[in-house]
Amino acid sequence: MAVEENPEQEFAPQKKKAASDDDKRRKKLAPGGLLKAVMRPGAGDSTPSDGDQVQFHCTIRTLDGVVVESTRTEVGGG
């Protein structure tokens, strides 16, 4: 299964949740814990099969929003 990426397609973030929702999630976060968010869900119904190669990106930020690590910068993305 091949995944085509459109480099001309600009990333448009989803509408942000109310700050109070984010604050509630952060207050429940234990020290050393993680928050997970899907920023842009995949399109279509296809899923990878055994043996398929997949690519995903991950960005690690502090609670203040400072980027600590990003797979996009490792592969030359922005």
PDB file of N, CA and C in Angstrom:
ATOM      1  N   MET A   1       0.859  -1.172   0.000  1.00  0.00           N
ATOM      2  CA  MET A   1       0.000   0.000   0.000  1.00  0.00           C
ATOM      3  C   MET A   1       0.898   1.225   0.000  1.00  0.00           C
ATOM      4  N   ALA A   2       0.713   2.084  -0.956  1.00  0.00           N
ATOM      5  CA  ALA A   2       1.518   3.302  -1.066  1.00  0.00           C
ATOM      6  C   ALA A   2       0.737   4.484  -0.509  1.00  0.00           C
ATOM      7  N   VAL A   3       1.434   5.328   0.197  1.00  0.00           N
ATOM      8  CA  VAL A   3       0.820   6.533   0.744  1.00  0.00           C
ATOM      9  C   VAL A   3       1.379   7.713  -0.034  1.00  0.00           C
ATOM     10  N   GLU A   4       0.500   8.460  -0.662  1.00  0.00           N
ATOM     11  CA  GLU A   4       0.941   9.621  -1.406  1.00  0.00           C
ATOM     12  C   GLU A   4       0.802  10.850  -0.530  1.00  0.00           C
ATOM     13  N   GLU A   5       1.822  11.651  -0.535  1.00  0.00           N
ATOM     14  CA  GLU A   5       1.811  12.865   0.261  1.00  0.00           C
ATOM     15  C   GLU A   5       1.803  14.048  -0.678  1.00  0.00           C
ATOM     16  N   ASN A   6       0.920  14.986  -0.446  1.00  0.00           N
ATOM     17  CA  ASN A   6       0.817  16.168  -1.285  1.00  0.00           C
ATOM     18  C   ASN A   6       1.603  17.296  -0.625  1.00  0.00           C
ATOM     19  N   PRO A   7       2.808  17.612  -1.129  1.00  0.00           N
ATOM     20  CA  PRO A   7       3.613  18.656  -0.470  1.00  0.00           C
ATOM     21  C   PRO A   7       2.998  20.039  -0.590  1.00  0.00           C
ATOM     22  N   GLU A   8       2.091  20.228  -1.558  1.00  0.00           N
ATOM     23  CA  GLU A   8       1.456  21.530  -1.717  1.00  0.00           C
ATOM     24  C   GLU A   8       0.321  21.736  -0.721  1.00  0.00           C
ATOM     25  N   GLN A   9      -0.165  20.644  -0.136  1.00  0.00           N
ATOM     26  CA  GLN A   9      -1.276  20.746   0.814  1.00  0.00           C
ATOM     27  C   GLN A   9      -0.752  21.338   2.113  1.00  0.00           C
ATOM     28  N   GLU A  10      -1.281  22.444   2.487  1.00  0.00           N
ATOM     29  CA  GLU A  10      -0.848  23.149   3.698  1.00  0.00           C
ATOM     30  C   GLU A  10      -1.559  22.544   4.907  1.00  0.00           C
ATOM     31  N   PHE A  11      -0.832  22.395   6.010  1.00  0.00           N
ATOM     32  CA  PHE A  11      -1.430  21.880   7.237  1.00  0.00           C
ATOM     33  C   PHE A  11      -2.343  22.941   7.826  1.00  0.00           C
ATOM     34  N   ALA A  12      -3.597  22.588   8.006  1.00  0.00           N
ATOM     35  CA  ALA A  12      -4.563  23.501   8.613  1.00  0.00           C
ATOM     36  C   ALA A  12      -5.001  22.887   9.932  1.00  0.00           C
ATOM     37  N   PRO A  13      -4.587  23.449  11.069  1.00  0.00           N
ATOM     38  CA  PRO A  13      -4.963  22.867  12.348  1.00  0.00           C
ATOM     39  C   PRO A  13      -6.467  22.876  12.563  1.00  0.00           C
ATOM     40  N   GLN A  14      -6.922  21.858  13.254  1.00  0.00           N
ATOM     41  CA  GLN A  14      -8.335  21.767  13.595  1.00  0.00           C
ATOM     42  C   GLN A  14      -8.684  22.895  14.555  1.00  0.00           C
ATOM     43  N   LYS A  15      -9.967  23.210  14.638  1.00  0.00           N
ATOM     44  CA  LYS A  15     -10.404  24.255  15.564  1.00  0.00           C
ATOM     45  C   LYS A  15     -10.013  23.847  16.977  1.00  0.00           C
ATOM     46  N   LYS A  16      -9.404  24.767  17.692  1.00  0.00           N
ATOM     47  CA  LYS A  16      -8.907  24.480  19.027  1.00  0.00           C
ATOM     48  C   LYS A  16     -10.050  24.297  20.014  1.00  0.00           C
ATOM     49  N   LYS A  17      -9.869  23.343  20.923  1.00  0.00           N
ATOM     50  CA  LYS A  17     -10.846  23.139  21.993  1.00  0.00           C
ATOM     51  C   LYS A  17     -10.786  24.325  22.947  1.00  0.00           C
ATOM     52  N   ALA A  18     -11.812  24.465  23.713  1.00  0.00           N
ATOM     53  CA  ALA A  18     -11.828  25.535  24.713  1.00  0.00           C
ATOM     54  C   ALA A  18     -10.662  25.345  25.674  1.00  0.00           C
ATOM     55  N   ALA A  19     -10.070  26.436  26.092  1.00  0.00           N
ATOM     56  CA  ALA A  19      -8.909  26.372  26.989  1.00  0.00           C
ATOM     57  C   ALA A  19      -9.238  25.593  28.252  1.00  0.00           C
ATOM     58  N   SER A  20     -10.461  25.663  28.698  1.00  0.00           N
ATOM     59  CA  SER A  20     -10.824  24.963  29.928  1.00  0.00           C
ATOM     60  C   SER A  20     -10.704  23.448  29.748  1.00  0.00           C
ATOM     61  N   ASP A  21     -10.995  22.919  28.544  1.00  0.00           N
ATOM     62  CA  ASP A  21     -10.834  21.487  28.292  1.00  0.00           C
ATOM     63  C   ASP A  21      -9.364  21.093  28.386  1.00  0.00           C
ATOM     64  N   ASP A  22      -8.495  21.903  27.783  1.00  0.00           N
ATOM     65  CA  ASP A  22      -7.062  21.624  27.843  1.00  0.00           C
ATOM     66  C   ASP A  22      -6.557  21.713  29.272  1.00  0.00           C
ATOM     67  N   ASP A  23      -7.014  22.698  30.004  1.00  0.00           N
ATOM     68  CA  ASP A  23      -6.595  22.852  31.393  1.00  0.00           C
ATOM     69  C   ASP A  23      -7.011  21.647  32.240  1.00  0.00           C
ATOM     70  N   LYS A  24      -8.213  21.139  32.014  1.00  0.00           N
ATOM     71  CA  LYS A  24      -8.689  19.968  32.749  1.00  0.00           C
ATOM     72  C   LYS A  24      -7.796  18.770  32.483  1.00  0.00           C
ATOM     73  N   ARG A  25      -7.423  18.577  31.210  1.00  0.00           N
ATOM     74  CA  ARG A  25      -6.551  17.450  30.854  1.00  0.00           C
ATOM     75  C   ARG A  25      -5.184  17.602  31.508  1.00  0.00           C
ATOM     76  N   ARG A  26      -4.652  18.819  31.527  1.00  0.00           N
ATOM     77  CA  ARG A  26      -3.328  19.051  32.113  1.00  0.00           C
ATOM     78  C   ARG A  26      -3.340  18.831  33.621  1.00  0.00           C
ATOM     79  N   LYS A  27      -4.416  19.210  34.285  1.00  0.00           N
ATOM     80  CA  LYS A  27      -4.492  19.048  35.739  1.00  0.00           C
ATOM     81  C   LYS A  27      -4.506  17.572  36.125  1.00  0.00           C
ATOM     82  N   LYS A  28      -5.067  16.715  35.261  1.00  0.00           N
ATOM     83  CA  LYS A  28      -5.118  15.285  35.538  1.00  0.00           C
ATOM     84  C   LYS A  28      -3.796  14.584  35.212  1.00  0.00           C
ATOM     85  N   LEU A  29      -2.888  15.275  34.564  1.00  0.00           N
ATOM     86  CA  LEU A  29      -1.629  14.695  34.116  1.00  0.00           C
ATOM     87  C   LEU A  29      -0.681  14.477  35.286  1.00  0.00           C
ATOM     88  N   ALA A  30      -0.255  13.240  35.464  1.00  0.00           N
ATOM     89  CA  ALA A  30       0.708  12.915  36.519  1.00  0.00           C
ATOM     90  C   ALA A  30       2.105  13.319  36.075  1.00  0.00           C
ATOM     91  N   PRO A  31       2.993  13.622  37.001  1.00  0.00           N
ATOM     92  CA  PRO A  31       4.372  13.953  36.623  1.00  0.00           C
ATOM     93  C   PRO A  31       4.975  12.839  35.770  1.00  0.00           C
ATOM     94  N   GLY A  32       5.567  13.217  34.657  1.00  0.00           N
ATOM     95  CA  GLY A  32       6.152  12.241  33.745  1.00  0.00           C
ATOM     96  C   GLY A  32       5.145  11.639  32.788  1.00  0.00           C
ATOM     97  N   GLY A  33       3.890  12.063  32.878  1.00  0.00           N
ATOM     98  CA  GLY A  33       2.843  11.528  32.020  1.00  0.00           C
ATOM     99  C   GLY A  33       2.845  12.181  30.647  1.00  0.00           C
ATOM    100  N   LEU A  34       2.002  11.681  29.766  1.00  0.00           N
ATOM    101  CA  LEU A  34       1.911  12.181  28.396  1.00  0.00           C
ATOM    102  C   LEU A  34       0.488  12.584  28.057  1.00  0.00           C
ATOM    103  N   LEU A  35       0.358  13.613  27.238  1.00  0.00           N
ATOM    104  CA  LEU A  35      -0.919  13.974  26.633  1.00  0.00           C
ATOM    105  C   LEU A  35      -0.823  13.608  25.163  1.00  0.00           C
ATOM    106  N   LYS A  36      -1.866  13.033  24.611  1.00  0.00           N
ATOM    107  CA  LYS A  36      -1.873  12.628  23.214  1.00  0.00           C
ATOM    108  C   LYS A  36      -2.998  13.363  22.503  1.00  0.00           C
ATOM    109  N   ALA A  37      -2.712  13.842  21.304  1.00  0.00           N
ATOM    110  CA  ALA A  37      -3.735  14.523  20.514  1.00  0.00           C
ATOM    111  C   ALA A  37      -3.541  14.183  19.043  1.00  0.00           C
ATOM    112  N   VAL A  38      -4.619  13.897  18.344  1.00  0.00           N
ATOM    113  CA  VAL A  38      -4.569  13.678  16.902  1.00  0.00           C
ATOM    114  C   VAL A  38      -4.810  15.033  16.260  1.00  0.00           C
ATOM    115  N   MET A  39      -3.761  15.574  15.635  1.00  0.00           N
ATOM    116  CA  MET A  39      -3.843  16.903  15.049  1.00  0.00           C
ATOM    117  C   MET A  39      -4.520  16.889  13.680  1.00  0.00           C
ATOM    118  N   ARG A  40      -4.244  15.849  12.917  1.00  0.00           N
ATOM    119  CA  ARG A  40      -4.822  15.738  11.581  1.00  0.00           C
ATOM    120  C   ARG A  40      -5.061  14.259  11.324  1.00  0.00           C
ATOM    121  N   PRO A  41      -6.300  13.804  11.433  1.00  0.00           N
ATOM    122  CA  PRO A  41      -6.572  12.379  11.222  1.00  0.00           C
ATOM    123  C   PRO A  41      -6.333  11.996   9.767  1.00  0.00           C
ATOM    124  N   GLY A  42      -6.021  10.750   9.556  1.00  0.00           N
ATOM    125  CA  GLY A  42      -5.812  10.243   8.199  1.00  0.00           C
ATOM    126  C   GLY A  42      -7.094  10.284   7.389  1.00  0.00           C
ATOM    127  N   ALA A  43      -6.938  10.305   6.092  1.00  0.00           N
ATOM    128  CA  ALA A  43      -8.089  10.337   5.194  1.00  0.00           C
ATOM    129  C   ALA A  43      -8.353   8.927   4.667  1.00  0.00           C
ATOM    130  N   GLY A  44      -9.602   8.604   4.478  1.00  0.00           N
ATOM    131  CA  GLY A  44      -9.953   7.309   3.908  1.00  0.00           C
ATOM    132  C   GLY A  44     -10.116   6.236   4.957  1.00  0.00           C
ATOM    133  N   ASP A  45     -10.459   5.054   4.462  1.00  0.00           N
ATOM    134  CA  ASP A  45     -10.723   3.923   5.348  1.00  0.00           C
ATOM    135  C   ASP A  45      -9.620   2.876   5.317  1.00  0.00           C
ATOM    136  N   SER A  46      -8.597   3.064   4.483  1.00  0.00           N
ATOM    137  CA  SER A  46      -7.564   2.043   4.348  1.00  0.00           C
ATOM    138  C   SER A  46      -6.665   2.020   5.580  1.00  0.00           C
ATOM    139  N   THR A  47      -6.207   0.841   5.894  1.00  0.00           N
ATOM    140  CA  THR A  47      -5.290   0.650   7.008  1.00  0.00           C
ATOM    141  C   THR A  47      -4.121  -0.194   6.513  1.00  0.00           C
ATOM    142  N   PRO A  48      -2.949  -0.086   7.142  1.00  0.00           N
ATOM    143  CA  PRO A  48      -1.802  -0.872   6.697  1.00  0.00           C
ATOM    144  C   PRO A  48      -1.991  -2.355   6.982  1.00  0.00           C
ATOM    145  N   SER A  49      -1.405  -3.170   6.147  1.00  0.00           N
ATOM    146  CA  SER A  49      -1.406  -4.619   6.322  1.00  0.00           C
ATOM    147  C   SER A  49      -0.048  -5.049   6.839  1.00  0.00           C
ATOM    148  N   ASP A  50       0.040  -6.288   7.295  1.00  0.00           N
ATOM    149  CA  ASP A  50       1.325  -6.822   7.734  1.00  0.00           C
ATOM    150  C   ASP A  50       2.331  -6.686   6.605  1.00  0.00           C
ATOM    151  N   GLY A  51       3.505  -6.175   6.926  1.00  0.00           N
ATOM    152  CA  GLY A  51       4.556  -6.013   5.936  1.00  0.00           C
ATOM    153  C   GLY A  51       4.575  -4.648   5.262  1.00  0.00           C
ATOM    154  N   ASP A  52       3.519  -3.848   5.414  1.00  0.00           N
ATOM    155  CA  ASP A  52       3.482  -2.504   4.830  1.00  0.00           C
ATOM    156  C   ASP A  52       4.406  -1.583   5.616  1.00  0.00           C
ATOM    157  N   GLN A  53       4.979  -0.629   4.929  1.00  0.00           N
ATOM    158  CA  GLN A  53       5.803   0.375   5.583  1.00  0.00           C
ATOM    159  C   GLN A  53       4.932   1.604   5.813  1.00  0.00           C
ATOM    160  N   VAL A  54       4.943   2.135   7.021  1.00  0.00           N
ATOM    161  CA  VAL A  54       4.146   3.313   7.350  1.00  0.00           C
ATOM    162  C   VAL A  54       5.067   4.422   7.833  1.00  0.00           C
ATOM    163  N   GLN A  55       4.581   5.641   7.714  1.00  0.00           N
ATOM    164  CA  GLN A  55       5.333   6.795   8.185  1.00  0.00           C
ATOM    165  C   GLN A  55       4.414   7.629   9.069  1.00  0.00           C
ATOM    166  N   PHE A  56       4.909   8.028  10.214  1.00  0.00           N
ATOM    167  CA  PHE A  56       4.151   8.912  11.096  1.00  0.00           C
ATOM    168  C   PHE A  56       5.105   9.936  11.665  1.00  0.00           C
ATOM    169  N   HIS A  57       4.550  11.012  12.131  1.00  0.00           N
ATOM    170  CA  HIS A  57       5.360  12.068  12.730  1.00  0.00           C
ATOM    171  C   HIS A  57       4.892  12.316  14.152  1.00  0.00           C
ATOM    172  N   CYS A  58       5.853  12.680  14.987  1.00  0.00           N
ATOM    173  CA  CYS A  58       5.588  12.931  16.393  1.00  0.00           C
ATOM    174  C   CYS A  58       6.339  14.191  16.808  1.00  0.00           C
ATOM    175  N   THR A  59       5.672  15.065  17.528  1.00  0.00           N
ATOM    176  CA  THR A  59       6.318  16.259  18.071  1.00  0.00           C
ATOM    177  C   THR A  59       6.117  16.251  19.582  1.00  0.00           C
ATOM    178  N   ILE A  60       7.192  16.405  20.313  1.00  0.00           N
ATOM    179  CA  ILE A  60       7.137  16.431  21.779  1.00  0.00           C
ATOM    180  C   ILE A  60       7.303  17.878  22.209  1.00  0.00           C
ATOM    181  N   ARG A  61       6.337  18.361  22.997  1.00  0.00           N
ATOM    182  CA  ARG A  61       6.350  19.743  23.487  1.00  0.00           C
ATOM    183  C   ARG A  61       6.199  19.761  25.001  1.00  0.00           C
ATOM    184  N   THR A  62       6.702  20.815  25.606  1.00  0.00           N
ATOM    185  CA  THR A  62       6.461  21.031  27.028  1.00  0.00           C
ATOM    186  C   THR A  62       5.036  21.564  27.175  1.00  0.00           C
ATOM    187  N   LEU A  63       4.559  21.666  28.408  1.00  0.00           N
ATOM    188  CA  LEU A  63       3.216  22.210  28.614  1.00  0.00           C
ATOM    189  C   LEU A  63       3.113  23.657  28.151  1.00  0.00           C
ATOM    190  N   ASP A  64       4.254  24.342  28.063  1.00  0.00           N
ATOM    191  CA  ASP A  64       4.278  25.725  27.587  1.00  0.00           C
ATOM    192  C   ASP A  64       4.303  25.811  26.062  1.00  0.00           C
ATOM    193  N   GLY A  65       4.393  24.666  25.385  1.00  0.00           N
ATOM    194  CA  GLY A  65       4.378  24.656  23.928  1.00  0.00           C
ATOM    195  C   GLY A  65       5.744  24.681  23.271  1.00  0.00           C
ATOM    196  N   VAL A  66       6.814  24.597  24.049  1.00  0.00           N
ATOM    197  CA  VAL A  66       8.169  24.595  23.493  1.00  0.00           C
ATOM    198  C   VAL A  66       8.465  23.210  22.904  1.00  0.00           C
ATOM    199  N   VAL A  67       8.898  23.180  21.641  1.00  0.00           N
ATOM    200  CA  VAL A  67       9.205  21.911  20.980  1.00  0.00           C
ATOM    201  C   VAL A  67      10.510  21.354  21.541  1.00  0.00           C
ATOM    202  N   VAL A  68      10.435  20.134  22.073  1.00  0.00           N
ATOM    203  CA  VAL A  68      11.599  19.455  22.628  1.00  0.00           C
ATOM    204  C   VAL A  68      12.233  18.560  21.563  1.00  0.00           C
ATOM    205  N   GLU A  69      11.391  17.855  20.815  1.00  0.00           N
ATOM    206  CA  GLU A  69      11.863  16.952  19.778  1.00  0.00           C
ATOM    207  C   GLU A  69      10.771  16.813  18.729  1.00  0.00           C
ATOM    208  N   SER A  70      11.167  16.649  17.480  1.00  0.00           N
ATOM    209  CA  SER A  70      10.202  16.482  16.407  1.00  0.00           C
ATOM    210  C   SER A  70      10.783  15.578  15.333  1.00  0.00           C
ATOM    211  N   THR A  71      10.018  14.588  14.906  1.00  0.00           N
ATOM    212  CA  THR A  71      10.474  13.730  13.815  1.00  0.00           C
ATOM    213  C   THR A  71      10.475  14.489  12.498  1.00  0.00           C
ATOM    214  N   ARG A  72       9.699  15.537  12.381  1.00  0.00           N
ATOM    215  CA  ARG A  72       9.680  16.318  11.144  1.00  0.00           C
ATOM    216  C   ARG A  72      11.019  17.019  10.916  1.00  0.00           C
ATOM    217  N   THR A  73      11.639  17.528  11.965  1.00  0.00           N
ATOM    218  CA  THR A  73      12.930  18.193  11.785  1.00  0.00           C
ATOM    219  C   THR A  73      14.036  17.178  11.518  1.00  0.00           C
ATOM    220  N   GLU A  74      13.869  15.941  11.997  1.00  0.00           N
ATOM    221  CA  GLU A  74      14.866  14.906  11.769  1.00  0.00           C
ATOM    222  C   GLU A  74      14.925  14.481  10.309  1.00  0.00           C
ATOM    223  N   VAL A  75      13.784  14.537   9.600  1.00  0.00           N
ATOM    224  CA  VAL A  75      13.742  14.109   8.195  1.00  0.00           C
ATOM    225  C   VAL A  75      13.718  15.299   7.245  1.00  0.00           C
ATOM    226  N   GLY A  76      14.031  16.482   7.748  1.00  0.00           N
ATOM    227  CA  GLY A  76      14.133  17.659   6.904  1.00  0.00           C
ATOM    228  C   GLY A  76      12.836  18.412   6.702  1.00  0.00           C
ATOM    229  N   GLY A  77      11.804  18.068   7.448  1.00  0.00           N
ATOM    230  CA  GLY A  77      10.535  18.788   7.333  1.00  0.00           C
ATOM    231  C   GLY A  77      10.552  20.056   8.145  1.00  0.00           C
ATOM    232  N   GLY A  78       9.418  20.782   8.089  1.00  0.00           N
ATOM    233  CA  GLY A  78       9.389  22.048   8.811  1.00  0.00           C
ATOM    234  C   GLY A  78       8.568  22.058  10.008  1.00  0.00           C
TER     235      GLY A  78
END
